[in-house]
Amino acid sequence: MKTKTALFASIATLILLAMISAPILAQQSQDILKPGEYTAKVKAIVCGGCGPLIKKTMLAMKEIDSVTVDSEKMTVQFVVKKDTTLKMADLQKALNAAADQMKMGADYTLSDLKATK
């Protein structure tokens, strides 16, 4: 009887650990962008200068190959180069600095990041 109880407790513990770690692992996968195409929403594109500034800022990063900004839809599409990775925190830091430079309520915080290829 003790063996069954101990086995059940072990299985329950493993299931609980898996449930707890799954969101953490999913978040970590979003922290490092691997080579490929991505799309994301931009929080606040406030003028005609925002799109070009976002594009210039992102292209200045050696890991990014191409960038397209849709100011109307407030989205950005970009490609992380082959054989590189990009820390999301570094990308967001650069975009935050650009938004601070633009002022006027610009907020280039990215959300709903999705790999498209």
PDB file of N, CA and C in Angstrom:
ATOM      1  N   MET A   1       0.820  -1.191   0.000  1.00  0.00           N
ATOM      2  CA  MET A   1       0.000   0.000   0.000  1.00  0.00           C
ATOM      3  C   MET A   1       0.864   1.255   0.000  1.00  0.00           C
ATOM      4  N   LYS A   2       1.955   1.245   0.788  1.00  0.00           N
ATOM      5  CA  LYS A   2       2.835   2.396   0.838  1.00  0.00           C
ATOM      6  C   LYS A   2       3.470   2.637  -0.527  1.00  0.00           C
ATOM      7  N   THR A   3       3.780   1.574  -1.245  1.00  0.00           N
ATOM      8  CA  THR A   3       4.422   1.697  -2.550  1.00  0.00           C
ATOM      9  C   THR A   3       3.496   2.401  -3.531  1.00  0.00           C
ATOM     10  N   LYS A   4       2.216   2.048  -3.549  1.00  0.00           N
ATOM     11  CA  LYS A   4       1.255   2.695  -4.435  1.00  0.00           C
ATOM     12  C   LYS A   4       1.096   4.166  -4.071  1.00  0.00           C
ATOM     13  N   THR A   5       1.040   4.471  -2.802  1.00  0.00           N
ATOM     14  CA  THR A   5       0.904   5.854  -2.346  1.00  0.00           C
ATOM     15  C   THR A   5       2.130   6.667  -2.731  1.00  0.00           C
ATOM     16  N   ALA A   6       3.303   6.115  -2.546  1.00  0.00           N
ATOM     17  CA  ALA A   6       4.542   6.806  -2.899  1.00  0.00           C
ATOM     18  C   ALA A   6       4.615   7.014  -4.412  1.00  0.00           C
ATOM     19  N   LEU A   7       4.210   6.013  -5.191  1.00  0.00           N
ATOM     20  CA  LEU A   7       4.213   6.126  -6.639  1.00  0.00           C
ATOM     21  C   LEU A   7       3.241   7.209  -7.090  1.00  0.00           C
ATOM     22  N   PHE A   8       2.057   7.213  -6.509  1.00  0.00           N
ATOM     23  CA  PHE A   8       1.052   8.234  -6.841  1.00  0.00           C
ATOM     24  C   PHE A   8       1.583   9.625  -6.505  1.00  0.00           C
ATOM     25  N   ALA A   9       2.208   9.777  -5.355  1.00  0.00           N
ATOM     26  CA  ALA A   9       2.770  11.077  -4.950  1.00  0.00           C
ATOM     27  C   ALA A   9       3.862  11.520  -5.912  1.00  0.00           C
ATOM     28  N   SER A  10       4.694  10.595  -6.348  1.00  0.00           N
ATOM     29  CA  SER A  10       5.766  10.921  -7.296  1.00  0.00           C
ATOM     30  C   SER A  10       5.192  11.373  -8.637  1.00  0.00           C
ATOM     31  N   ILE A  11       4.191  10.664  -9.107  1.00  0.00           N
ATOM     32  CA  ILE A  11       3.559  11.021 -10.381  1.00  0.00           C
ATOM     33  C   ILE A  11       2.882  12.378 -10.268  1.00  0.00           C
ATOM     34  N   ALA A  12       2.183  12.597  -9.168  1.00  0.00           N
ATOM     35  CA  ALA A  12       1.513  13.883  -8.961  1.00  0.00           C
ATOM     36  C   ALA A  12       2.530  15.021  -8.918  1.00  0.00           C
ATOM     37  N   THR A  13       3.658  14.789  -8.291  1.00  0.00           N
ATOM     38  CA  THR A  13       4.715  15.805  -8.223  1.00  0.00           C
ATOM     39  C   THR A  13       5.257  16.110  -9.606  1.00  0.00           C
ATOM     40  N   LEU A  14       5.501  15.089 -10.418  1.00  0.00           N
ATOM     41  CA  LEU A  14       6.001  15.294 -11.778  1.00  0.00           C
ATOM     42  C   LEU A  14       5.006  16.070 -12.638  1.00  0.00           C
ATOM     43  N   ILE A  15       3.742  15.749 -12.500  1.00  0.00           N
ATOM     44  CA  ILE A  15       2.710  16.463 -13.254  1.00  0.00           C
ATOM     45  C   ILE A  15       2.672  17.927 -12.831  1.00  0.00           C
ATOM     46  N   LEU A  16       2.740  18.182 -11.549  1.00  0.00           N
ATOM     47  CA  LEU A  16       2.725  19.546 -11.035  1.00  0.00           C
ATOM     48  C   LEU A  16       3.938  20.327 -11.541  1.00  0.00           C
ATOM     49  N   LEU A  17       5.110  19.712 -11.515  1.00  0.00           N
ATOM     50  CA  LEU A  17       6.318  20.372 -12.026  1.00  0.00           C
ATOM     51  C   LEU A  17       6.192  20.687 -13.510  1.00  0.00           C
ATOM     52  N   ALA A  18       5.626  19.786 -14.272  1.00  0.00           N
ATOM     53  CA  ALA A  18       5.441  20.015 -15.707  1.00  0.00           C
ATOM     54  C   ALA A  18       4.489  21.187 -15.949  1.00  0.00           C
ATOM     55  N   MET A  19       3.434  21.261 -15.156  1.00  0.00           N
ATOM     56  CA  MET A  19       2.470  22.345 -15.300  1.00  0.00           C
ATOM     57  C   MET A  19       3.090  23.685 -14.932  1.00  0.00           C
ATOM     58  N   ILE A  20       3.929  23.703 -13.937  1.00  0.00           N
ATOM     59  CA  ILE A  20       4.560  24.943 -13.503  1.00  0.00           C
ATOM     60  C   ILE A  20       5.630  25.382 -14.501  1.00  0.00           C
ATOM     61  N   SER A  21       6.409  24.451 -15.024  1.00  0.00           N
ATOM     62  CA  SER A  21       7.534  24.822 -15.881  1.00  0.00           C
ATOM     63  C   SER A  21       7.126  25.134 -17.322  1.00  0.00           C
ATOM     64  N   ALA A  22       6.004  24.652 -17.791  1.00  0.00           N
ATOM     65  CA  ALA A  22       5.607  24.888 -19.181  1.00  0.00           C
ATOM     66  C   ALA A  22       5.504  26.372 -19.521  1.00  0.00           C
ATOM     67  N   PRO A  23       4.814  27.204 -18.727  1.00  0.00           N
ATOM     68  CA  PRO A  23       4.777  28.635 -19.055  1.00  0.00           C
ATOM     69  C   PRO A  23       6.152  29.296 -18.980  1.00  0.00           C
ATOM     70  N   ILE A  24       6.992  28.842 -18.073  1.00  0.00           N
ATOM     71  CA  ILE A  24       8.332  29.409 -17.955  1.00  0.00           C
ATOM     72  C   ILE A  24       9.137  29.090 -19.206  1.00  0.00           C
ATOM     73  N   LEU A  25       9.067  27.863 -19.682  1.00  0.00           N
ATOM     74  CA  LEU A  25       9.784  27.480 -20.901  1.00  0.00           C
ATOM     75  C   LEU A  25       9.241  28.220 -22.114  1.00  0.00           C
ATOM     76  N   ALA A  26       7.936  28.410 -22.164  1.00  0.00           N
ATOM     77  CA  ALA A  26       7.346  29.159 -23.276  1.00  0.00           C
ATOM     78  C   ALA A  26       7.835  30.602 -23.267  1.00  0.00           C
ATOM     79  N   GLN A  27       7.921  31.208 -22.092  1.00  0.00           N
ATOM     80  CA  GLN A  27       8.416  32.575 -21.988  1.00  0.00           C
ATOM     81  C   GLN A  27       9.876  32.647 -22.408  1.00  0.00           C
ATOM     82  N   GLN A  28      10.689  31.686 -22.009  1.00  0.00           N
ATOM     83  CA  GLN A  28      12.096  31.695 -22.377  1.00  0.00           C
ATOM     84  C   GLN A  28      12.263  31.603 -23.884  1.00  0.00           C
ATOM     85  N   SER A  29      11.383  30.871 -24.556  1.00  0.00           N
ATOM     86  CA  SER A  29      11.494  30.758 -26.000  1.00  0.00           C
ATOM     87  C   SER A  29      11.217  32.097 -26.669  1.00  0.00           C
ATOM     88  N   GLN A  30      10.427  32.964 -26.049  1.00  0.00           N
ATOM     89  CA  GLN A  30      10.164  34.294 -26.579  1.00  0.00           C
ATOM     90  C   GLN A  30      11.280  35.274 -26.225  1.00  0.00           C
ATOM     91  N   ASP A  31      12.119  34.957 -25.241  1.00  0.00           N
ATOM     92  CA  ASP A  31      13.196  35.849 -24.833  1.00  0.00           C
ATOM     93  C   ASP A  31      14.338  35.853 -25.833  1.00  0.00           C
ATOM     94  N   ILE A  32      14.566  34.745 -26.509  1.00  0.00           N
ATOM     95  CA  ILE A  32      15.623  34.618 -27.509  1.00  0.00           C
ATOM     96  C   ILE A  32      14.968  34.322 -28.852  1.00  0.00           C
ATOM     97  N   LEU A  33      15.162  35.226 -29.803  1.00  0.00           N
ATOM     98  CA  LEU A  33      14.600  35.023 -31.130  1.00  0.00           C
ATOM     99  C   LEU A  33      15.620  34.317 -32.004  1.00  0.00           C
ATOM    100  N   LYS A  34      15.216  33.211 -32.563  1.00  0.00           N
ATOM    101  CA  LYS A  34      16.068  32.429 -33.451  1.00  0.00           C
ATOM    102  C   LYS A  34      15.900  32.938 -34.886  1.00  0.00           C
ATOM    103  N   PRO A  35      16.765  32.500 -35.789  1.00  0.00           N
ATOM    104  CA  PRO A  35      16.624  32.932 -37.180  1.00  0.00           C
ATOM    105  C   PRO A  35      15.229  32.625 -37.717  1.00  0.00           C
ATOM    106  N   GLY A  36      14.690  33.571 -38.466  1.00  0.00           N
ATOM    107  CA  GLY A  36      13.369  33.384 -39.046  1.00  0.00           C
ATOM    108  C   GLY A  36      12.615  34.685 -39.146  1.00  0.00           C
ATOM    109  N   GLU A  37      11.385  34.582 -39.592  1.00  0.00           N
ATOM    110  CA  GLU A  37      10.520  35.743 -39.787  1.00  0.00           C
ATOM    111  C   GLU A  37       9.567  35.879 -38.611  1.00  0.00           C
ATOM    112  N   TYR A  38       9.335  37.126 -38.205  1.00  0.00           N
ATOM    113  CA  TYR A  38       8.476  37.428 -37.065  1.00  0.00           C
ATOM    114  C   TYR A  38       7.542  38.577 -37.402  1.00  0.00           C
ATOM    115  N   THR A  39       6.435  38.616 -36.691  1.00  0.00           N
ATOM    116  CA  THR A  39       5.519  39.747 -36.743  1.00  0.00           C
ATOM    117  C   THR A  39       5.135  40.103 -35.314  1.00  0.00           C
ATOM    118  N   ALA A  40       4.888  41.393 -35.090  1.00  0.00           N
ATOM    119  CA  ALA A  40       4.498  41.855 -33.759  1.00  0.00           C
ATOM    120  C   ALA A  40       3.678  43.126 -33.888  1.00  0.00           C
ATOM    121  N   LYS A  41       2.880  43.387 -32.865  1.00  0.00           N
ATOM    122  CA  LYS A  41       2.144  44.644 -32.783  1.00  0.00           C
ATOM    123  C   LYS A  41       3.037  45.682 -32.109  1.00  0.00           C
ATOM    124  N   VAL A  42       2.881  46.934 -32.528  1.00  0.00           N
ATOM    125  CA  VAL A  42       3.591  48.049 -31.920  1.00  0.00           C
ATOM    126  C   VAL A  42       2.548  48.859 -31.154  1.00  0.00           C
ATOM    127  N   LYS A  43       2.844  49.205 -29.910  1.00  0.00           N
ATOM    128  CA  LYS A  43       1.844  49.834 -29.046  1.00  0.00           C
ATOM    129  C   LYS A  43       1.336  51.176 -29.577  1.00  0.00           C
ATOM    130  N   ALA A  44       2.229  52.116 -29.954  1.00  0.00           N
ATOM    131  CA  ALA A  44       1.757  53.441 -30.375  1.00  0.00           C
ATOM    132  C   ALA A  44       2.671  54.039 -31.434  1.00  0.00           C
ATOM    133  N   ILE A  45       2.209  53.976 -32.678  1.00  0.00           N
ATOM    134  CA  ILE A  45       2.854  54.675 -33.781  1.00  0.00           C
ATOM    135  C   ILE A  45       2.039  55.952 -33.955  1.00  0.00           C
ATOM    136  N   VAL A  46       2.657  57.105 -33.661  1.00  0.00           N
ATOM    137  CA  VAL A  46       1.874  58.340 -33.547  1.00  0.00           C
ATOM    138  C   VAL A  46       2.008  59.309 -34.713  1.00  0.00           C
ATOM    139  N   CYS A  47       3.005  59.082 -35.593  1.00  0.00           N
ATOM    140  CA  CYS A  47       3.155  60.016 -36.708  1.00  0.00           C
ATOM    141  C   CYS A  47       3.856  59.325 -37.874  1.00  0.00           C
ATOM    142  N   GLY A  48       3.993  60.048 -38.961  1.00  0.00           N
ATOM    143  CA  GLY A  48       4.626  59.509 -40.147  1.00  0.00           C
ATOM    144  C   GLY A  48       6.105  59.208 -39.988  1.00  0.00           C
ATOM    145  N   GLY A  49       6.730  59.781 -38.975  1.00  0.00           N
ATOM    146  CA  GLY A  49       8.146  59.525 -38.741  1.00  0.00           C
ATOM    147  C   GLY A  49       8.423  58.264 -37.949  1.00  0.00           C
ATOM    148  N   CYS A  50       7.397  57.722 -37.315  1.00  0.00           N
ATOM    149  CA  CYS A  50       7.597  56.543 -36.463  1.00  0.00           C
ATOM    150  C   CYS A  50       8.035  55.310 -37.250  1.00  0.00           C
ATOM    151  N   GLY A  51       7.349  55.019 -38.340  1.00  0.00           N
ATOM    152  CA  GLY A  51       7.673  53.827 -39.128  1.00  0.00           C
ATOM    153  C   GLY A  51       9.129  53.820 -39.586  1.00  0.00           C
ATOM    154  N   PRO A  52       9.582  54.927 -40.220  1.00  0.00           N
ATOM    155  CA  PRO A  52      10.989  54.958 -40.631  1.00  0.00           C
ATOM    156  C   PRO A  52      11.969  54.864 -39.456  1.00  0.00           C
ATOM    157  N   LEU A  53      11.629  55.440 -38.309  1.00  0.00           N
ATOM    158  CA  LEU A  53      12.522  55.365 -37.153  1.00  0.00           C
ATOM    159  C   LEU A  53      12.573  53.941 -36.595  1.00  0.00           C
ATOM    160  N   ILE A  54      11.442  53.279 -36.546  1.00  0.00           N
ATOM    161  CA  ILE A  54      11.417  51.879 -36.096  1.00  0.00           C
ATOM    162  C   ILE A  54      12.281  51.034 -37.031  1.00  0.00           C
ATOM    163  N   LYS A  55      12.083  51.215 -38.334  1.00  0.00           N
ATOM    164  CA  LYS A  55      12.844  50.444 -39.327  1.00  0.00           C
ATOM    165  C   LYS A  55      14.339  50.716 -39.184  1.00  0.00           C
ATOM    166  N   LYS A  56      14.733  51.980 -39.100  1.00  0.00           N
ATOM    167  CA  LYS A  56      16.149  52.352 -38.969  1.00  0.00           C
ATOM    168  C   LYS A  56      16.752  51.745 -37.698  1.00  0.00           C
ATOM    169  N   THR A  57      16.006  51.822 -36.607  1.00  0.00           N
ATOM    170  CA  THR A  57      16.483  51.293 -35.323  1.00  0.00           C
ATOM    171  C   THR A  57      16.708  49.790 -35.396  1.00  0.00           C
ATOM    172  N   MET A  58      15.753  49.089 -35.970  1.00  0.00           N
ATOM    173  CA  MET A  58      15.862  47.632 -36.041  1.00  0.00           C
ATOM    174  C   MET A  58      16.952  47.188 -37.013  1.00  0.00           C
ATOM    175  N   LEU A  59      17.078  47.882 -38.136  1.00  0.00           N
ATOM    176  CA  LEU A  59      18.110  47.512 -39.114  1.00  0.00           C
ATOM    177  C   LEU A  59      19.520  47.805 -38.615  1.00  0.00           C
ATOM    178  N   ALA A  60      19.628  48.672 -37.616  1.00  0.00           N
ATOM    179  CA  ALA A  60      20.936  48.957 -37.016  1.00  0.00           C
ATOM    180  C   ALA A  60      21.442  47.780 -36.188  1.00  0.00           C
ATOM    181  N   MET A  61      20.548  46.850 -35.865  1.00  0.00           N
ATOM    182  CA  MET A  61      20.938  45.668 -35.104  1.00  0.00           C
ATOM    183  C   MET A  61      21.488  44.624 -36.082  1.00  0.00           C
ATOM    184  N   LYS A  62      22.694  44.137 -35.813  1.00  0.00           N
ATOM    185  CA  LYS A  62      23.368  43.224 -36.748  1.00  0.00           C
ATOM    186  C   LYS A  62      22.620  41.916 -36.956  1.00  0.00           C
ATOM    187  N   GLU A  63      21.735  41.568 -36.041  1.00  0.00           N
ATOM    188  CA  GLU A  63      21.006  40.296 -36.142  1.00  0.00           C
ATOM    189  C   GLU A  63      19.787  40.382 -37.055  1.00  0.00           C
ATOM    190  N   ILE A  64      19.373  41.588 -37.410  1.00  0.00           N
ATOM    191  CA  ILE A  64      18.149  41.758 -38.197  1.00  0.00           C
ATOM    192  C   ILE A  64      18.490  42.005 -39.660  1.00  0.00           C
ATOM    193  N   ASP A  65      17.814  41.254 -40.527  1.00  0.00           N
ATOM    194  CA  ASP A  65      18.081  41.302 -41.962  1.00  0.00           C
ATOM    195  C   ASP A  65      17.151  42.275 -42.681  1.00  0.00           C
ATOM    196  N   SER A  66      15.875  42.276 -42.348  1.00  0.00           N
ATOM    197  CA  SER A  66      14.924  43.161 -43.020  1.00  0.00           C
ATOM    198  C   SER A  66      13.785  43.514 -42.066  1.00  0.00           C
ATOM    199  N   VAL A  67      13.150  44.660 -42.342  1.00  0.00           N
ATOM    200  CA  VAL A  67      12.065  45.161 -41.493  1.00  0.00           C
ATOM    201  C   VAL A  67      11.017  45.819 -42.381  1.00  0.00           C
ATOM    202  N   THR A  68       9.756  45.552 -42.090  1.00  0.00           N
ATOM    203  CA  THR A  68       8.639  46.236 -42.725  1.00  0.00           C
ATOM    204  C   THR A  68       7.720  46.728 -41.618  1.00  0.00           C
ATOM    205  N   VAL A  69       7.368  48.009 -41.666  1.00  0.00           N
ATOM    206  CA  VAL A  69       6.475  48.586 -40.668  1.00  0.00           C
ATOM    207  C   VAL A  69       5.178  48.990 -41.358  1.00  0.00           C
ATOM    208  N   ASP A  70       4.054  48.555 -40.804  1.00  0.00           N
ATOM    209  CA  ASP A  70       2.741  48.975 -41.295  1.00  0.00           C
ATOM    210  C   ASP A  70       2.160  49.922 -40.250  1.00  0.00           C
ATOM    211  N   SER A  71       2.271  51.215 -40.514  1.00  0.00           N
ATOM    212  CA  SER A  71       1.844  52.223 -39.539  1.00  0.00           C
ATOM    213  C   SER A  71       0.344  52.205 -39.294  1.00  0.00           C
ATOM    214  N   GLU A  72      -0.439  51.886 -40.323  1.00  0.00           N
ATOM    215  CA  GLU A  72      -1.892  51.845 -40.161  1.00  0.00           C
ATOM    216  C   GLU A  72      -2.332  50.697 -39.262  1.00  0.00           C
ATOM    217  N   LYS A  73      -1.757  49.527 -39.485  1.00  0.00           N
ATOM    218  CA  LYS A  73      -2.109  48.361 -38.675  1.00  0.00           C
ATOM    219  C   LYS A  73      -1.317  48.309 -37.371  1.00  0.00           C
ATOM    220  N   MET A  74      -0.302  49.203 -37.260  1.00  0.00           N
ATOM    221  CA  MET A  74       0.581  49.252 -36.093  1.00  0.00           C
ATOM    222  C   MET A  74       1.247  47.895 -35.857  1.00  0.00           C
ATOM    223  N   THR A  75       1.849  47.385 -36.938  1.00  0.00           N
ATOM    224  CA  THR A  75       2.574  46.115 -36.858  1.00  0.00           C
ATOM    225  C   THR A  75       3.961  46.270 -37.477  1.00  0.00           C
ATOM    226  N   VAL A  76       4.829  45.352 -37.109  1.00  0.00           N
ATOM    227  CA  VAL A  76       6.162  45.287 -37.687  1.00  0.00           C
ATOM    228  C   VAL A  76       6.446  43.832 -38.040  1.00  0.00           C
ATOM    229  N   GLN A  77       7.039  43.637 -39.217  1.00  0.00           N
ATOM    230  CA  GLN A  77       7.491  42.321 -39.637  1.00  0.00           C
ATOM    231  C   GLN A  77       9.005  42.428 -39.801  1.00  0.00           C
ATOM    232  N   PHE A  78       9.723  41.417 -39.328  1.00  0.00           N
ATOM    233  CA  PHE A  78      11.170  41.469 -39.438  1.00  0.00           C
ATOM    234  C   PHE A  78      11.747  40.067 -39.536  1.00  0.00           C
ATOM    235  N   VAL A  79      12.998  40.023 -40.015  1.00  0.00           N
ATOM    236  CA  VAL A  79      13.687  38.759 -40.199  1.00  0.00           C
ATOM    237  C   VAL A  79      14.972  38.771 -39.384  1.00  0.00           C
ATOM    238  N   VAL A  80      15.132  37.738 -38.547  1.00  0.00           N
ATOM    239  CA  VAL A  80      16.376  37.537 -37.820  1.00  0.00           C
ATOM    240  C   VAL A  80      17.275  36.704 -38.732  1.00  0.00           C
ATOM    241  N   LYS A  81      18.513  37.193 -38.935  1.00  0.00           N
ATOM    242  CA  LYS A  81      19.448  36.562 -39.864  1.00  0.00           C
ATOM    243  C   LYS A  81      19.769  35.119 -39.476  1.00  0.00           C
ATOM    244  N   LYS A  82      20.137  34.348 -40.492  1.00  0.00           N
ATOM    245  CA  LYS A  82      20.600  32.976 -40.276  1.00  0.00           C
ATOM    246  C   LYS A  82      21.840  32.987 -39.397  1.00  0.00           C
ATOM    247  N   ASP A  83      22.015  31.928 -38.644  1.00  0.00           N
ATOM    248  CA  ASP A  83      23.188  31.734 -37.781  1.00  0.00           C
ATOM    249  C   ASP A  83      23.328  32.796 -36.693  1.00  0.00           C
ATOM    250  N   THR A  84      22.228  33.460 -36.339  1.00  0.00           N
ATOM    251  CA  THR A  84      22.256  34.429 -35.236  1.00  0.00           C
ATOM    252  C   THR A  84      21.067  34.187 -34.316  1.00  0.00           C
ATOM    253  N   THR A  85      21.113  34.793 -33.165  1.00  0.00           N
ATOM    254  CA  THR A  85      19.962  34.875 -32.281  1.00  0.00           C
ATOM    255  C   THR A  85      19.888  36.312 -31.794  1.00  0.00           C
ATOM    256  N   LEU A  86      18.723  36.715 -31.345  1.00  0.00           N
ATOM    257  CA  LEU A  86      18.508  38.077 -30.895  1.00  0.00           C
ATOM    258  C   LEU A  86      17.765  38.047 -29.568  1.00  0.00           C
ATOM    259  N   LYS A  87      18.323  38.719 -28.581  1.00  0.00           N
ATOM    260  CA  LYS A  87      17.628  38.824 -27.301  1.00  0.00           C
ATOM    261  C   LYS A  87      16.500  39.834 -27.446  1.00  0.00           C
ATOM    262  N   MET A  88      15.306  39.410 -27.098  1.00  0.00           N
ATOM    263  CA  MET A  88      14.144  40.288 -27.176  1.00  0.00           C
ATOM    264  C   MET A  88      14.361  41.531 -26.320  1.00  0.00           C
ATOM    265  N   ALA A  89      15.024  41.377 -25.188  1.00  0.00           N
ATOM    266  CA  ALA A  89      15.278  42.519 -24.300  1.00  0.00           C
ATOM    267  C   ALA A  89      16.152  43.565 -24.994  1.00  0.00           C
ATOM    268  N   ASP A  90      17.135  43.126 -25.783  1.00  0.00           N
ATOM    269  CA  ASP A  90      17.992  44.065 -26.507  1.00  0.00           C
ATOM    270  C   ASP A  90      17.202  44.808 -27.582  1.00  0.00           C
ATOM    271  N   LEU A  91      16.357  44.080 -28.294  1.00  0.00           N
ATOM    272  CA  LEU A  91      15.521  44.702 -29.315  1.00  0.00           C
ATOM    273  C   LEU A  91      14.595  45.726 -28.682  1.00  0.00           C
ATOM    274  N   GLN A  92      13.940  45.353 -27.590  1.00  0.00           N
ATOM    275  CA  GLN A  92      12.996  46.268 -26.959  1.00  0.00           C
ATOM    276  C   GLN A  92      13.707  47.491 -26.376  1.00  0.00           C
ATOM    277  N   LYS A  93      14.911  47.289 -25.846  1.00  0.00           N
ATOM    278  CA  LYS A  93      15.688  48.415 -25.310  1.00  0.00           C
ATOM    279  C   LYS A  93      15.976  49.433 -26.410  1.00  0.00           C
ATOM    280  N   ALA A  94      16.387  48.962 -27.581  1.00  0.00           N
ATOM    281  CA  ALA A  94      16.665  49.853 -28.708  1.00  0.00           C
ATOM    282  C   ALA A  94      15.396  50.579 -29.160  1.00  0.00           C
ATOM    283  N   LEU A  95      14.282  49.857 -29.215  1.00  0.00           N
ATOM    284  CA  LEU A  95      13.021  50.476 -29.622  1.00  0.00           C
ATOM    285  C   LEU A  95      12.533  51.496 -28.593  1.00  0.00           C
ATOM    286  N   ASN A  96      12.738  51.206 -27.319  1.00  0.00           N
ATOM    287  CA  ASN A  96      12.347  52.163 -26.277  1.00  0.00           C
ATOM    288  C   ASN A  96      13.147  53.459 -26.404  1.00  0.00           C
ATOM    289  N   ALA A  97      14.440  53.339 -26.672  1.00  0.00           N
ATOM    290  CA  ALA A  97      15.289  54.523 -26.848  1.00  0.00           C
ATOM    291  C   ALA A  97      14.813  55.338 -28.056  1.00  0.00           C
ATOM    292  N   ALA A  98      14.433  54.653 -29.130  1.00  0.00           N
ATOM    293  CA  ALA A  98      13.930  55.348 -30.320  1.00  0.00           C
ATOM    294  C   ALA A  98      12.619  56.066 -30.017  1.00  0.00           C
ATOM    295  N   ALA A  99      11.724  55.421 -29.285  1.00  0.00           N
ATOM    296  CA  ALA A  99      10.441  56.048 -28.920  1.00  0.00           C
ATOM    297  C   ALA A  99      10.680  57.267 -28.039  1.00  0.00           C
ATOM    298  N   ASP A 100      11.644  57.170 -27.127  1.00  0.00           N
ATOM    299  CA  ASP A 100      11.983  58.315 -26.274  1.00  0.00           C
ATOM    300  C   ASP A 100      12.514  59.472 -27.120  1.00  0.00           C
ATOM    301  N   GLN A 101      13.266  59.135 -28.157  1.00  0.00           N
ATOM    302  CA  GLN A 101      13.798  60.140 -29.073  1.00  0.00           C
ATOM    303  C   GLN A 101      12.660  60.817 -29.848  1.00  0.00           C
ATOM    304  N   MET A 102      11.670  60.036 -30.248  1.00  0.00           N
ATOM    305  CA  MET A 102      10.551  60.567 -31.036  1.00  0.00           C
ATOM    306  C   MET A 102       9.636  61.442 -30.176  1.00  0.00           C
ATOM    307  N   LYS A 103       9.409  61.011 -28.946  1.00  0.00           N
ATOM    308  CA  LYS A 103       8.492  61.696 -28.007  1.00  0.00           C
ATOM    309  C   LYS A 103       7.072  61.673 -28.544  1.00  0.00           C
ATOM    310  N   MET A 104       6.290  62.667 -28.319  1.00  0.00           N
ATOM    311  CA  MET A 104       4.910  62.812 -28.805  1.00  0.00           C
ATOM    312  C   MET A 104       4.006  61.637 -28.440  1.00  0.00           C
ATOM    313  N   GLY A 105       4.351  60.869 -27.432  1.00  0.00           N
ATOM    314  CA  GLY A 105       3.522  59.737 -27.040  1.00  0.00           C
ATOM    315  C   GLY A 105       3.837  58.446 -27.767  1.00  0.00           C
ATOM    316  N   ALA A 106       4.918  58.449 -28.541  1.00  0.00           N
ATOM    317  CA  ALA A 106       5.308  57.219 -29.249  1.00  0.00           C
ATOM    318  C   ALA A 106       5.676  56.148 -28.229  1.00  0.00           C
ATOM    319  N   ASP A 107       5.242  54.936 -28.502  1.00  0.00           N
ATOM    320  CA  ASP A 107       5.566  53.792 -27.639  1.00  0.00           C
ATOM    321  C   ASP A 107       5.759  52.589 -28.552  1.00  0.00           C
ATOM    322  N   TYR A 108       7.013  52.188 -28.723  1.00  0.00           N
ATOM    323  CA  TYR A 108       7.331  51.104 -29.641  1.00  0.00           C
ATOM    324  C   TYR A 108       7.434  49.758 -28.935  1.00  0.00           C
ATOM    325  N   THR A 109       6.696  49.605 -27.852  1.00  0.00           N
ATOM    326  CA  THR A 109       6.660  48.325 -27.155  1.00  0.00           C
ATOM    327  C   THR A 109       6.024  47.282 -28.069  1.00  0.00           C
ATOM    328  N   LEU A 110       6.718  46.161 -28.234  1.00  0.00           N
ATOM    329  CA  LEU A 110       6.208  45.085 -29.080  1.00  0.00           C
ATOM    330  C   LEU A 110       5.364  44.125 -28.257  1.00  0.00           C
ATOM    331  N   SER A 111       4.293  43.632 -28.875  1.00  0.00           N
ATOM    332  CA  SER A 111       3.442  42.627 -28.220  1.00  0.00           C
ATOM    333  C   SER A 111       2.955  41.644 -29.279  1.00  0.00           C
ATOM    334  N   ASP A 112       2.360  40.575 -28.833  1.00  0.00           N
ATOM    335  CA  ASP A 112       1.817  39.536 -29.724  1.00  0.00           C
ATOM    336  C   ASP A 112       2.850  39.072 -30.760  1.00  0.00           C
ATOM    337  N   LEU A 113       4.078  38.901 -30.287  1.00  0.00           N
ATOM    338  CA  LEU A 113       5.154  38.447 -31.167  1.00  0.00           C
ATOM    339  C   LEU A 113       4.867  37.021 -31.635  1.00  0.00           C
ATOM    340  N   LYS A 114       4.970  36.818 -32.958  1.00  0.00           N
ATOM    341  CA  LYS A 114       4.723  35.492 -33.524  1.00  0.00           C
ATOM    342  C   LYS A 114       5.766  35.200 -34.588  1.00  0.00           C
ATOM    343  N   ALA A 115       6.276  33.991 -34.572  1.00  0.00           N
ATOM    344  CA  ALA A 115       7.142  33.530 -35.659  1.00  0.00           C
ATOM    345  C   ALA A 115       6.240  33.182 -36.826  1.00  0.00           C
ATOM    346  N   THR A 116       6.582  33.681 -38.010  1.00  0.00           N
ATOM    347  CA  THR A 116       5.747  33.409 -39.180  1.00  0.00           C
ATOM    348  C   THR A 116       6.357  32.354 -40.077  1.00  0.00           C
ATOM    349  N   LYS A 117       7.650  32.096 -39.924  1.00  0.00           N
ATOM    350  CA  LYS A 117       8.322  31.034 -40.690  1.00  0.00           C
ATOM    351  C   LYS A 117       9.456  30.488 -39.881  1.00  0.00           C
TER     352      LYS A 117
END
